[in-house]
Every structure is written in C-alpha cells, then in structure tokens.
C-alpha atoms as a PDB file:
ATOM      1  CA  MET A   1      -0.112 -12.188  12.456  1.00  0.00           C
ATOM      2  CA  MET A   2       0.032 -15.375  10.868  1.00  0.00           C
ATOM      3  CA  CYS A   3      -2.309 -16.610   7.924  1.00  0.00           C
ATOM      4  CA  THR A   4      -4.796 -18.898   9.127  1.00  0.00           C
ATOM      5  CA  LEU A   5      -7.962 -20.542   7.911  1.00  0.00           C
ATOM      6  CA  ALA A   6     -10.404 -21.336   9.575  1.00  0.00           C
ATOM      7  CA  SER A   7     -11.713 -25.564   9.673  1.00  0.00           C
ATOM      8  CA  SER A   8     -14.924 -24.502   7.841  1.00  0.00           C
ATOM      9  CA  PRO A   9     -14.217 -21.167   5.835  1.00  0.00           C
ATOM     10  CA  LEU A  10     -16.757 -19.349   4.213  1.00  0.00           C
ATOM     11  CA  PHE A  11     -15.580 -17.694   0.535  1.00  0.00           C
ATOM     12  CA  GLN A  12     -14.387 -14.520   2.288  1.00  0.00           C
ATOM     13  CA  ASP A  13     -12.294 -16.660   4.827  1.00  0.00           C
ATOM     14  CA  LEU A  14     -10.366 -18.374   1.321  1.00  0.00           C
ATOM     15  CA  LEU A  15      -9.985 -14.855  -0.220  1.00  0.00           C
ATOM     16  CA  SER A  16      -8.179 -13.291   3.014  1.00  0.00           C
ATOM     17  CA  TYR A  17      -6.144 -16.167   3.286  1.00  0.00           C
ATOM     18  CA  VAL A  18      -4.889 -16.340  -0.751  1.00  0.00           C
ATOM     19  CA  SER A  19      -4.413 -12.253  -0.170  1.00  0.00           C
ATOM     20  CA  CYS A  20      -2.608 -12.917   3.178  1.00  0.00           C
ATOM     21  CA  ILE A  21      -0.253 -15.312   1.439  1.00  0.00           C
ATOM     22  CA  ILE A  22       0.506 -13.342  -1.470  1.00  0.00           C
ATOM     23  CA  GLY A  23       0.844 -10.099   0.712  1.00  0.00           C
ATOM     24  CA  LYS A  24       2.807 -11.633   3.216  1.00  0.00           C
ATOM     25  CA  SER A  25       4.929 -14.470   0.789  1.00  0.00           C
ATOM     26  CA  VAL A  26       4.941 -14.048  -2.472  1.00  0.00           C
ATOM     27  CA  ILE A  27       5.078 -10.254  -3.340  1.00  0.00           C
ATOM     28  CA  PRO A  28       8.211 -10.386  -0.299  1.00  0.00           C
ATOM     29  CA  LEU A  29       9.562 -13.130  -2.680  1.00  0.00           C
ATOM     30  CA  ILE A  30       9.604 -11.109  -5.868  1.00  0.00           C
ATOM     31  CA  PHE A  31      11.329  -8.242  -4.447  1.00  0.00           C
ATOM     32  CA  ALA A  32      13.984 -10.546  -2.955  1.00  0.00           C
ATOM     33  CA  LEU A  33      14.988 -12.225  -6.747  1.00  0.00           C
ATOM     34  CA  ALA A  34      14.049  -8.651  -8.115  1.00  0.00           C
ATOM     35  CA  THR A  35      17.040  -7.560  -5.319  1.00  0.00           C
ATOM     36  CA  VAL A  36      19.310 -10.893  -6.241  1.00  0.00           C
ATOM     37  CA  MET A  37      18.959 -10.127 -10.009  1.00  0.00           C
ATOM     38  CA  PHE A  38      20.145  -6.868 -10.058  1.00  0.00           C
ATOM     39  CA  ILE A  39      23.397  -8.017  -7.297  1.00  0.00           C
ATOM     40  CA  TRP A  40      24.341 -10.658  -9.634  1.00  0.00           C
ATOM     41  CA  GLY A  41      24.797  -8.441 -12.525  1.00  0.00           C
ATOM     42  CA  VAL A  42      26.580  -5.950 -10.814  1.00  0.00           C
ATOM     43  CA  VAL A  43      29.023  -8.874  -9.377  1.00  0.00           C
ATOM     44  CA  GLN A  44      29.149 -10.039 -12.968  1.00  0.00           C
ATOM     45  CA  TYR A  45      29.911  -6.429 -14.209  1.00  0.00           C
ATOM     46  CA  VAL A  46      32.821  -6.010 -11.827  1.00  0.00           C
ATOM     47  CA  ILE A  47      33.961  -9.642 -11.943  1.00  0.00           C
ATOM     48  CA  ASN A  48      34.478  -9.844 -15.740  1.00  0.00           C
ATOM     49  CA  ASN A  49      36.230  -6.765 -16.437  1.00  0.00           C
ATOM     50  CA  GLU A  50      38.188  -8.421 -19.165  1.00  0.00           C
ATOM     51  CA  GLU A  51      35.220  -9.754 -21.200  1.00  0.00           C
ATOM     52  CA  ASP A  52      32.891  -7.483 -22.818  1.00  0.00           C
ATOM     53  CA  ALA A  53      29.964 -10.034 -23.313  1.00  0.00           C
ATOM     54  CA  LYS A  54      30.139 -11.123 -20.074  1.00  0.00           C
ATOM     55  CA  ARG A  55      30.142  -7.094 -18.869  1.00  0.00           C
ATOM     56  CA  GLU A  56      27.355  -6.282 -21.152  1.00  0.00           C
ATOM     57  CA  LYS A  57      25.031  -9.645 -19.787  1.00  0.00           C
ATOM     58  CA  GLY A  58      25.741  -8.275 -15.680  1.00  0.00           C
ATOM     59  CA  LYS A  59      24.896  -4.564 -17.164  1.00  0.00           C
ATOM     60  CA  GLN A  60      21.908  -5.999 -18.788  1.00  0.00           C
ATOM     61  CA  PHE A  61      21.041  -7.908 -15.386  1.00  0.00           C
ATOM     62  CA  MET A  62      21.516  -4.264 -13.035  1.00  0.00           C
ATOM     63  CA  ILE A  63      19.089  -2.894 -16.083  1.00  0.00           C
ATOM     64  CA  TRP A  64      16.093  -5.537 -15.806  1.00  0.00           C
ATOM     65  CA  GLY A  65      16.802  -5.295 -12.048  1.00  0.00           C
ATOM     66  CA  ILE A  66      16.425  -1.991 -11.569  1.00  0.00           C
ATOM     67  CA  ILE A  67      13.339  -1.026 -14.311  1.00  0.00           C
ATOM     68  CA  ALA A  68      11.716  -4.594 -12.071  1.00  0.00           C
ATOM     69  CA  LEU A  69      12.211  -2.946  -8.645  1.00  0.00           C
ATOM     70  CA  THR A  70      11.159   0.031 -10.254  1.00  0.00           C
ATOM     71  CA  VAL A  71       7.854  -0.666 -11.268  1.00  0.00           C
ATOM     72  CA  MET A  72       7.331  -2.825  -8.045  1.00  0.00           C
ATOM     73  CA  PHE A  73       7.603   0.238  -5.675  1.00  0.00           C
ATOM     74  CA  SER A  74       5.937   2.434  -7.803  1.00  0.00           C
ATOM     75  CA  VAL A  75       2.747  -0.013  -8.248  1.00  0.00           C
ATOM     76  CA  TRP A  76       2.942  -0.731  -4.408  1.00  0.00           C
ATOM     77  CA  GLY A  77       2.705   2.895  -4.173  1.00  0.00           C
ATOM     78  CA  LEU A  78      -0.275   3.963  -6.140  1.00  0.00           C
ATOM     79  CA  VAL A  79      -1.595   0.851  -4.175  1.00  0.00           C
ATOM     80  CA  ARG A  80      -1.449   2.820  -1.169  1.00  0.00           C
ATOM     81  CA  ILE A  81      -2.201   6.513  -2.402  1.00  0.00           C
ATOM     82  CA  LEU A  82      -5.191   4.899  -3.970  1.00  0.00           C
ATOM     83  CA  GLY A  83      -5.967   3.475  -0.529  1.00  0.00           C
ATOM     84  CA  ASN A  84      -5.587   6.456   1.493  1.00  0.00           C
ATOM     85  CA  THR A  85      -7.209   8.536  -0.711  1.00  0.00           C
ATOM     86  CA  PHE A  86     -10.492   6.650  -0.990  1.00  0.00           C
ATOM     87  CA  GLY A  87     -10.527   5.171   2.497  1.00  0.00           C
ATOM     88  CA  ILE A  88      -9.199   1.191   1.542  1.00  0.00           C
ATOM     89  CA  GLN A  89      -7.618  -0.820   3.757  1.00  0.00           C
ATOM     90  CA  TYR A  90      -7.842  -4.234   2.617  1.00  0.00           C
ATOM     91  CA  ALA A  91      -7.293  -5.059  -1.766  1.00  0.00           C
ATOM     92  CA  ILE A  92     -10.808  -7.459  -0.486  1.00  0.00           C
ATOM     93  CA  PRO A  93     -13.152  -5.690   0.733  1.00  0.00           C
ATOM     94  CA  GLN A  94     -14.417  -7.228   4.104  1.00  0.00           C
ATOM     95  CA  LEU A  95     -18.072  -7.995   5.555  1.00  0.00           C
ATOM     96  CA  LYS A  96     -18.138  -7.674   9.266  1.00  0.00           C
ATOM     97  CA  GLN A  97     -20.175 -11.087  10.337  1.00  0.00           C
ATOM     98  CA  SER A  98     -23.364 -10.673  12.991  1.00  0.00           C
ATOM     99  CA  LYS A  99     -23.205 -12.869  15.718  1.00  0.00           C
END
C-alpha cells in the first residue's frame, strides 16, 4: 500500500498521510541507521586491533547501536501490546465518512 493524498484532503486525510510516511519511511530508516551504526562499530573494532583508542571508539558505536535497537524494538513492542490490548489498530483515530 502506497501513501497517497487526495487532491482536496481533509485534516484526517493529512494526518493519515503523515502517519503513513512515518510508518513506511522514517521508522525503517531509523532502524537501518542504528543497524549500520552497530555494524560500523564491529568493523572498527575488528580492523583496529592494534590501536586501543580506535577500538574503544568502535566499541562505543557497538554499544550505542545495541542500545538504540533495543529501545526502538521495546517501544515498538509496547505500542503493539497496548494496541492489541485496547483494540486499537491505528495510531491516529480513523473516522468513517458517510456517503
């Protein structure tokens, strides 16, 4: 499903569009950046086995990458659990339009 916006959108349509963009583009990008940060730290840690300062910097990248991924997965899981518990399917309430 693509994120589309009608030619004369209502405010609800605009909110749904922004929510779709965030859910399908921004969040995966943030997960990808955290993963790349972790992998970059691993590479720096392995490549610079002679230089302690660069190894320490690589270690910090790995730690912060793991922390970022853990926090994001935890928040994502909590939102999903709360949504399932209360029967909420969407982050933004959806209104049905009568025709």
